[in-house]
Amino acid sequence: MGHARFAVAAVLAAMVLPGAAAAQIRTVGADEVRALASGARKALLVDSRSPEEYAQAHLPGAISIPAAWTKAYQSSLPKDPAAPVVFYCRGGG
């Protein structure tokens, strides 16, 4: 699956919005993910699927942090609390 088709298939993603004490999480659609990824303040895209799925195809610029490893790789995420982070996966949950 190519990058363009995958971008369209990534219909829903969880976006972590900056917050004072705790991050806010909301669901965003593919169009908003595209806008966030190409905007002036680019969002960090995190592919939370398995490393094998990431290797097959992923959104351009996305990093791979499987869902089960999120806490262990927290240091890979932006330190700036105002930086938007978008987590995406295959879907379903």
N, C-alpha and C. Protein backbone atom coordinates (compact mmCIF):
# COMPACT_ATOMS: atom_id res chain seq x y z
N MET A 1 0.85 -1.18 0.00
CA MET A 1 0.00 0.00 0.00
C MET A 1 0.89 1.23 0.00
N GLY A 2 0.66 2.15 -0.89
CA GLY A 2 1.48 3.35 -1.00
C GLY A 2 1.12 4.39 0.04
N HIS A 3 1.98 5.38 0.15
CA HIS A 3 1.76 6.43 1.15
C HIS A 3 0.45 7.18 0.91
N ALA A 4 0.13 7.52 -0.33
CA ALA A 4 -1.08 8.30 -0.60
C ALA A 4 -2.33 7.51 -0.24
N ARG A 5 -2.38 6.25 -0.63
CA ARG A 5 -3.56 5.43 -0.30
C ARG A 5 -3.66 5.24 1.20
N PHE A 6 -2.52 5.07 1.87
CA PHE A 6 -2.55 4.88 3.31
C PHE A 6 -3.06 6.12 4.00
N ALA A 7 -2.67 7.29 3.53
CA ALA A 7 -3.11 8.54 4.14
C ALA A 7 -4.63 8.65 4.09
N VAL A 8 -5.22 8.23 3.00
CA VAL A 8 -6.67 8.27 2.87
C VAL A 8 -7.31 7.22 3.77
N ALA A 9 -6.66 6.07 3.92
CA ALA A 9 -7.20 5.01 4.76
C ALA A 9 -7.14 5.35 6.24
N ALA A 10 -6.25 6.24 6.62
CA ALA A 10 -6.12 6.62 8.03
C ALA A 10 -7.23 7.60 8.39
N VAL A 11 -8.44 7.11 8.43
CA VAL A 11 -9.60 7.97 8.61
C VAL A 11 -9.66 8.57 10.01
N LEU A 12 -9.35 7.78 11.02
CA LEU A 12 -9.43 8.29 12.38
C LEU A 12 -8.09 8.15 13.07
N ALA A 13 -7.77 9.12 13.88
CA ALA A 13 -6.56 9.09 14.67
C ALA A 13 -6.84 9.81 15.98
N ALA A 14 -6.08 9.50 16.98
CA ALA A 14 -6.22 10.21 18.25
C ALA A 14 -5.17 11.30 18.28
N MET A 15 -5.61 12.50 18.52
CA MET A 15 -4.69 13.62 18.58
C MET A 15 -4.55 14.06 20.02
N VAL A 16 -3.31 14.13 20.47
CA VAL A 16 -3.05 14.60 21.82
C VAL A 16 -2.83 16.10 21.73
N LEU A 17 -3.74 16.83 22.34
CA LEU A 17 -3.65 18.29 22.33
C LEU A 17 -2.96 18.76 23.59
N PRO A 18 -2.28 19.87 23.50
CA PRO A 18 -1.60 20.39 24.69
C PRO A 18 -2.60 20.73 25.79
N GLY A 19 -2.21 20.48 26.99
CA GLY A 19 -3.05 20.81 28.13
C GLY A 19 -2.16 21.17 29.31
N ALA A 20 -2.72 21.82 30.29
CA ALA A 20 -1.93 22.25 31.43
C ALA A 20 -1.38 21.06 32.21
N ALA A 21 -2.25 20.30 32.84
CA ALA A 21 -1.80 19.20 33.67
C ALA A 21 -1.78 17.89 32.90
N ALA A 22 -2.78 17.67 32.09
CA ALA A 22 -2.87 16.41 31.34
C ALA A 22 -3.24 16.72 29.90
N ALA A 23 -2.78 15.86 29.02
CA ALA A 23 -3.08 16.05 27.60
C ALA A 23 -4.56 15.79 27.34
N GLN A 24 -5.09 16.49 26.37
CA GLN A 24 -6.46 16.26 25.91
C GLN A 24 -6.38 15.34 24.72
N ILE A 25 -7.29 14.41 24.64
CA ILE A 25 -7.29 13.47 23.52
C ILE A 25 -8.61 13.58 22.80
N ARG A 26 -8.55 13.67 21.47
CA ARG A 26 -9.77 13.70 20.68
C ARG A 26 -9.52 12.96 19.38
N THR A 27 -10.57 12.56 18.75
CA THR A 27 -10.49 11.84 17.48
C THR A 27 -10.54 12.84 16.34
N VAL A 28 -9.67 12.64 15.36
CA VAL A 28 -9.63 13.52 14.20
C VAL A 28 -9.71 12.67 12.94
N GLY A 29 -10.21 13.26 11.87
CA GLY A 29 -10.33 12.56 10.61
C GLY A 29 -9.11 12.75 9.73
N ALA A 30 -9.11 12.05 8.60
CA ALA A 30 -7.98 12.08 7.67
C ALA A 30 -7.66 13.49 7.20
N ASP A 31 -8.67 14.29 6.90
CA ASP A 31 -8.42 15.66 6.41
C ASP A 31 -7.69 16.49 7.46
N GLU A 32 -8.10 16.35 8.71
CA GLU A 32 -7.44 17.12 9.77
C GLU A 32 -6.02 16.61 10.00
N VAL A 33 -5.81 15.31 9.88
CA VAL A 33 -4.46 14.77 10.02
C VAL A 33 -3.57 15.35 8.92
N ARG A 34 -4.08 15.38 7.69
CA ARG A 34 -3.30 15.97 6.58
C ARG A 34 -2.95 17.43 6.88
N ALA A 35 -3.92 18.19 7.38
CA ALA A 35 -3.69 19.61 7.69
C ALA A 35 -2.67 19.76 8.81
N LEU A 36 -2.78 18.94 9.83
CA LEU A 36 -1.85 19.01 10.96
C LEU A 36 -0.44 18.63 10.53
N ALA A 37 -0.33 17.66 9.64
CA ALA A 37 0.98 17.19 9.20
C ALA A 37 1.67 18.18 8.28
N SER A 38 0.90 19.05 7.63
CA SER A 38 1.50 19.98 6.68
C SER A 38 1.41 21.43 7.12
N GLY A 39 0.86 21.69 8.27
CA GLY A 39 0.69 23.06 8.75
C GLY A 39 1.98 23.69 9.22
N ALA A 40 1.89 24.94 9.60
CA ALA A 40 3.06 25.68 10.07
C ALA A 40 3.66 25.03 11.31
N ARG A 41 2.81 24.58 12.21
CA ARG A 41 3.28 23.89 13.41
C ARG A 41 2.97 22.41 13.22
N LYS A 42 3.85 21.73 12.51
CA LYS A 42 3.61 20.35 12.14
C LYS A 42 3.43 19.45 13.36
N ALA A 43 2.41 18.61 13.29
CA ALA A 43 2.18 17.62 14.34
C ALA A 43 3.14 16.46 14.17
N LEU A 44 3.55 15.88 15.27
CA LEU A 44 4.32 14.64 15.22
C LEU A 44 3.34 13.51 14.97
N LEU A 45 3.58 12.73 13.93
CA LEU A 45 2.73 11.58 13.62
C LEU A 45 3.36 10.33 14.21
N VAL A 46 2.58 9.60 15.02
CA VAL A 46 3.07 8.39 15.66
C VAL A 46 2.22 7.22 15.19
N ASP A 47 2.85 6.29 14.50
CA ASP A 47 2.20 5.08 14.03
C ASP A 47 2.27 4.07 15.17
N SER A 48 1.12 3.71 15.74
CA SER A 48 1.11 2.82 16.91
C SER A 48 0.83 1.36 16.55
N ARG A 49 0.99 1.03 15.27
CA ARG A 49 0.85 -0.37 14.85
C ARG A 49 2.15 -1.13 15.11
N SER A 50 2.17 -2.39 14.75
CA SER A 50 3.37 -3.21 14.96
C SER A 50 4.49 -2.72 14.04
N PRO A 51 5.75 -3.01 14.40
CA PRO A 51 6.86 -2.63 13.53
C PRO A 51 6.74 -3.22 12.12
N GLU A 52 6.18 -4.41 12.00
CA GLU A 52 6.00 -5.03 10.69
C GLU A 52 5.01 -4.25 9.84
N GLU A 53 3.90 -3.82 10.45
CA GLU A 53 2.91 -3.03 9.72
C GLU A 53 3.51 -1.68 9.31
N TYR A 54 4.26 -1.07 10.21
CA TYR A 54 4.92 0.21 9.91
C TYR A 54 5.86 0.05 8.72
N ALA A 55 6.62 -1.06 8.69
CA ALA A 55 7.57 -1.30 7.60
C ALA A 55 6.86 -1.47 6.26
N GLN A 56 5.64 -2.01 6.27
CA GLN A 56 4.89 -2.20 5.03
C GLN A 56 4.44 -0.87 4.44
N ALA A 57 3.97 0.04 5.26
CA ALA A 57 3.51 1.35 4.81
C ALA A 57 3.21 2.21 6.03
N HIS A 58 3.49 3.48 5.90
CA HIS A 58 3.18 4.43 6.97
C HIS A 58 3.08 5.83 6.38
N LEU A 59 2.49 6.73 7.13
CA LEU A 59 2.37 8.10 6.67
C LEU A 59 3.75 8.74 6.60
N PRO A 60 4.00 9.55 5.58
CA PRO A 60 5.31 10.20 5.46
C PRO A 60 5.63 11.01 6.72
N GLY A 61 6.83 10.81 7.24
CA GLY A 61 7.29 11.54 8.41
C GLY A 61 6.90 10.93 9.74
N ALA A 62 6.07 9.88 9.72
CA ALA A 62 5.62 9.26 10.97
C ALA A 62 6.75 8.46 11.60
N ILE A 63 6.73 8.42 12.94
CA ILE A 63 7.65 7.55 13.66
C ILE A 63 6.87 6.35 14.15
N SER A 64 7.57 5.26 14.41
CA SER A 64 6.93 4.04 14.87
C SER A 64 7.11 3.88 16.38
N ILE A 65 5.99 3.89 17.09
CA ILE A 65 5.97 3.55 18.52
C ILE A 65 4.74 2.68 18.73
N PRO A 66 4.92 1.35 18.70
CA PRO A 66 3.77 0.47 18.92
C PRO A 66 3.05 0.80 20.23
N ALA A 67 1.74 0.63 20.23
CA ALA A 67 0.91 1.03 21.37
C ALA A 67 1.45 0.50 22.70
N ALA A 68 1.88 -0.74 22.72
CA ALA A 68 2.37 -1.34 23.97
C ALA A 68 3.68 -0.71 24.44
N TRP A 69 4.37 0.00 23.57
CA TRP A 69 5.66 0.59 23.91
C TRP A 69 5.58 2.08 24.19
N THR A 70 4.41 2.67 24.15
CA THR A 70 4.26 4.11 24.27
C THR A 70 4.93 4.67 25.53
N LYS A 71 4.69 4.05 26.66
CA LYS A 71 5.26 4.56 27.91
C LYS A 71 6.79 4.47 27.88
N ALA A 72 7.31 3.38 27.37
CA ALA A 72 8.77 3.20 27.32
C ALA A 72 9.43 4.20 26.39
N TYR A 73 8.73 4.63 25.36
CA TYR A 73 9.29 5.56 24.37
C TYR A 73 8.79 6.99 24.55
N GLN A 74 8.27 7.29 25.71
CA GLN A 74 7.74 8.62 25.99
C GLN A 74 8.79 9.70 25.75
N SER A 75 10.05 9.38 25.96
CA SER A 75 11.12 10.37 25.76
C SER A 75 11.28 10.73 24.28
N SER A 76 10.72 9.93 23.37
CA SER A 76 10.77 10.24 21.93
C SER A 76 9.74 11.27 21.53
N LEU A 77 8.80 11.56 22.42
CA LEU A 77 7.74 12.52 22.12
C LEU A 77 8.21 13.94 22.48
N PRO A 78 7.61 14.95 21.86
CA PRO A 78 8.04 16.33 22.12
C PRO A 78 7.94 16.71 23.60
N LYS A 79 8.90 17.46 24.06
CA LYS A 79 8.89 17.96 25.44
C LYS A 79 7.98 19.18 25.56
N ASP A 80 7.79 19.90 24.46
CA ASP A 80 6.95 21.09 24.44
C ASP A 80 5.49 20.68 24.61
N PRO A 81 4.85 21.10 25.69
CA PRO A 81 3.46 20.71 25.92
C PRO A 81 2.49 21.29 24.88
N ALA A 82 2.93 22.26 24.10
CA ALA A 82 2.06 22.86 23.08
C ALA A 82 2.20 22.15 21.73
N ALA A 83 3.10 21.19 21.63
CA ALA A 83 3.32 20.49 20.36
C ALA A 83 2.25 19.42 20.15
N PRO A 84 1.53 19.49 19.03
CA PRO A 84 0.50 18.48 18.77
C PRO A 84 1.12 17.14 18.37
N VAL A 85 0.54 16.06 18.87
CA VAL A 85 0.99 14.71 18.55
C VAL A 85 -0.24 13.92 18.09
N VAL A 86 -0.10 13.25 16.95
CA VAL A 86 -1.21 12.44 16.41
C VAL A 86 -0.78 10.98 16.43
N PHE A 87 -1.53 10.16 17.16
CA PHE A 87 -1.32 8.72 17.16
C PHE A 87 -2.31 8.10 16.20
N TYR A 88 -1.85 7.18 15.38
CA TYR A 88 -2.79 6.49 14.49
C TYR A 88 -2.44 5.01 14.43
N CYS A 89 -3.46 4.22 14.08
CA CYS A 89 -3.28 2.79 13.95
C CYS A 89 -4.18 2.29 12.82
N ARG A 90 -4.31 1.01 12.76
CA ARG A 90 -5.11 0.38 11.70
C ARG A 90 -6.59 0.68 11.87
N GLY A 91 -7.01 0.96 13.06
CA GLY A 91 -8.41 1.28 13.32
C GLY A 91 -9.08 0.20 14.14
N GLY A 92 -10.31 0.42 14.43
CA GLY A 92 -11.06 -0.60 15.14
C GLY A 92 -11.36 -0.24 16.58
N GLY A 93 -10.58 0.17 17.43
CA GLY A 93 -10.87 0.26 18.82
C GLY A 93 -11.59 1.40 19.26
